[in-house]
């Protein structure tokens, strides 16, 4: 029985470690060593994917509480990740038809 409790605690710590890495990588939490906001969405995605893999690999072996906890953490992280990706996309200027036409004209003139 004690081994099961220890394993449950270790499992929860593993989930929370990946959760914290993902949150820090999305720039929503300061890095504890640098005390700065560091944003790396690729690293955040790796942490989320790791939790998704853990869910698949542990299917049928988790308690109800562990399963619900893991599902909730993954859901929350994915929502935050999408929000951060959308922020990046909104920040980039979109090419309008007028800008595209100007670029095409420049290319045509340079090739003449």
Protein backbone atom coordinates (compact mmCIF):
# COMPACT_ATOMS: atom_id res chain seq x y z
CA UNK A 1 0.00 0.00 0.00
CA UNK A 2 2.83 2.42 0.83
CA UNK A 3 4.41 1.79 -2.57
CA UNK A 4 1.14 2.76 -4.30
CA UNK A 5 1.03 6.03 -2.33
CA UNK A 6 4.64 6.80 -3.17
CA UNK A 7 4.02 6.05 -6.86
CA UNK A 8 0.93 8.28 -6.87
CA UNK A 9 2.93 11.15 -5.39
CA UNK A 10 5.77 10.63 -7.88
CA UNK A 11 3.30 10.51 -10.77
CA UNK A 12 1.67 13.75 -9.65
CA UNK A 13 5.10 15.40 -9.32
CA UNK A 14 6.01 14.30 -12.85
CA UNK A 15 2.81 15.80 -14.23
CA UNK A 16 3.32 19.03 -12.30
CA UNK A 17 6.96 19.33 -13.46
CA UNK A 18 5.90 19.14 -17.10
CA UNK A 19 3.04 21.53 -16.38
CA UNK A 20 5.42 24.07 -14.84
CA UNK A 21 7.89 23.77 -17.72
CA UNK A 22 5.08 24.34 -20.22
CA UNK A 23 3.70 27.35 -18.32
CA UNK A 24 7.16 28.93 -18.03
CA UNK A 25 7.83 28.23 -21.70
CA UNK A 26 4.63 30.02 -22.66
CA UNK A 27 5.89 33.09 -20.81
CA UNK A 28 3.22 32.94 -18.13
CA UNK A 29 5.62 32.35 -15.24
CA UNK A 30 9.10 33.66 -14.46
CA UNK A 31 11.99 31.25 -14.78
CA UNK A 32 13.15 30.53 -11.20
CA UNK A 33 16.87 30.80 -12.01
CA UNK A 34 16.94 33.83 -14.31
CA UNK A 35 13.94 35.54 -12.69
CA UNK A 36 12.86 36.54 -16.21
CA UNK A 37 9.93 35.71 -18.45
CA UNK A 38 11.32 33.39 -21.13
CA UNK A 39 9.06 32.35 -23.98
CA UNK A 40 9.74 29.21 -26.02
CA UNK A 41 6.57 27.78 -27.53
CA UNK A 42 8.43 24.80 -29.01
CA UNK A 43 9.52 23.71 -25.54
CA UNK A 44 5.99 24.26 -24.24
CA UNK A 45 4.66 22.00 -27.00
CA UNK A 46 7.19 19.28 -26.12
CA UNK A 47 6.05 19.36 -22.49
CA UNK A 48 2.39 19.14 -23.49
CA UNK A 49 3.13 16.33 -25.95
CA UNK A 50 5.01 14.49 -23.19
CA UNK A 51 1.92 14.65 -20.98
CA UNK A 52 -0.24 13.43 -23.88
CA UNK A 53 2.14 10.48 -24.35
CA UNK A 54 2.05 9.76 -20.62
CA UNK A 55 -1.73 9.66 -20.77
CA UNK A 56 -1.66 7.13 -23.61
CA UNK A 57 1.02 4.96 -22.01
CA UNK A 58 -0.68 4.86 -18.59
CA UNK A 59 -4.22 4.25 -19.87
CA UNK A 60 -5.94 1.76 -17.57
CA UNK A 61 -3.24 2.06 -14.89
CA UNK A 62 -4.23 5.33 -13.22
CA UNK A 63 -6.59 5.91 -10.35
CA UNK A 64 -9.68 7.95 -11.13
CA UNK A 65 -8.13 10.95 -9.40
CA UNK A 66 -4.83 10.66 -11.32
CA UNK A 67 -6.65 10.33 -14.63
CA UNK A 68 -8.84 13.35 -14.00
CA UNK A 69 -5.88 15.39 -12.79
CA UNK A 70 -3.83 14.54 -15.88
CA UNK A 71 -6.77 15.30 -18.20
CA UNK A 72 -7.36 18.68 -16.56
CA UNK A 73 -3.69 19.67 -16.71
CA UNK A 74 -3.46 18.74 -20.40
CA UNK A 75 -6.69 20.60 -21.20
CA UNK A 76 -5.56 23.74 -19.38
CA UNK A 77 -2.13 23.69 -21.04
CA UNK A 78 -3.56 23.20 -24.53
CA UNK A 79 -5.96 26.11 -24.09
CA UNK A 80 -3.11 28.35 -22.94
CA UNK A 81 -0.86 27.15 -25.76
CA UNK A 82 -3.48 27.96 -28.41
CA UNK A 83 -3.93 31.39 -26.83
CA UNK A 84 -0.19 32.05 -27.04
CA UNK A 85 0.08 30.84 -30.64
CA UNK A 86 -2.86 33.07 -31.57
CA UNK A 87 -1.11 36.06 -29.93
CA UNK A 88 1.85 35.48 -32.21
CA UNK A 89 -0.35 35.21 -35.28
CA UNK A 90 -2.25 38.40 -34.42
CA UNK A 91 1.03 40.23 -33.96
CA UNK A 92 2.22 39.47 -37.50
CA UNK A 93 1.01 41.84 -40.19
CA UNK A 94 -1.01 40.13 -42.89
CA UNK A 95 -0.25 40.76 -46.55
CA UNK A 96 -3.07 42.70 -48.11
CA UNK A 97 -3.85 42.40 -51.80
CA UNK A 98 -2.35 45.85 -52.34
CA UNK A 99 0.93 44.85 -50.65
CA UNK A 100 1.04 41.63 -52.65
CA UNK A 101 0.55 43.56 -55.90
CA UNK A 102 3.38 45.95 -54.99
CA UNK A 103 5.70 43.01 -54.26
CA UNK A 104 4.78 41.35 -57.57
CA UNK A 105 5.47 44.60 -59.45
CA UNK A 106 8.90 44.88 -57.81
CA UNK A 107 9.73 41.33 -58.81
CA UNK A 108 8.62 41.94 -62.41
CA UNK A 109 10.71 45.11 -62.69
CA UNK A 110 13.80 43.46 -61.24
CA UNK A 111 13.57 40.55 -63.70
CA UNK A 112 13.41 42.91 -66.76
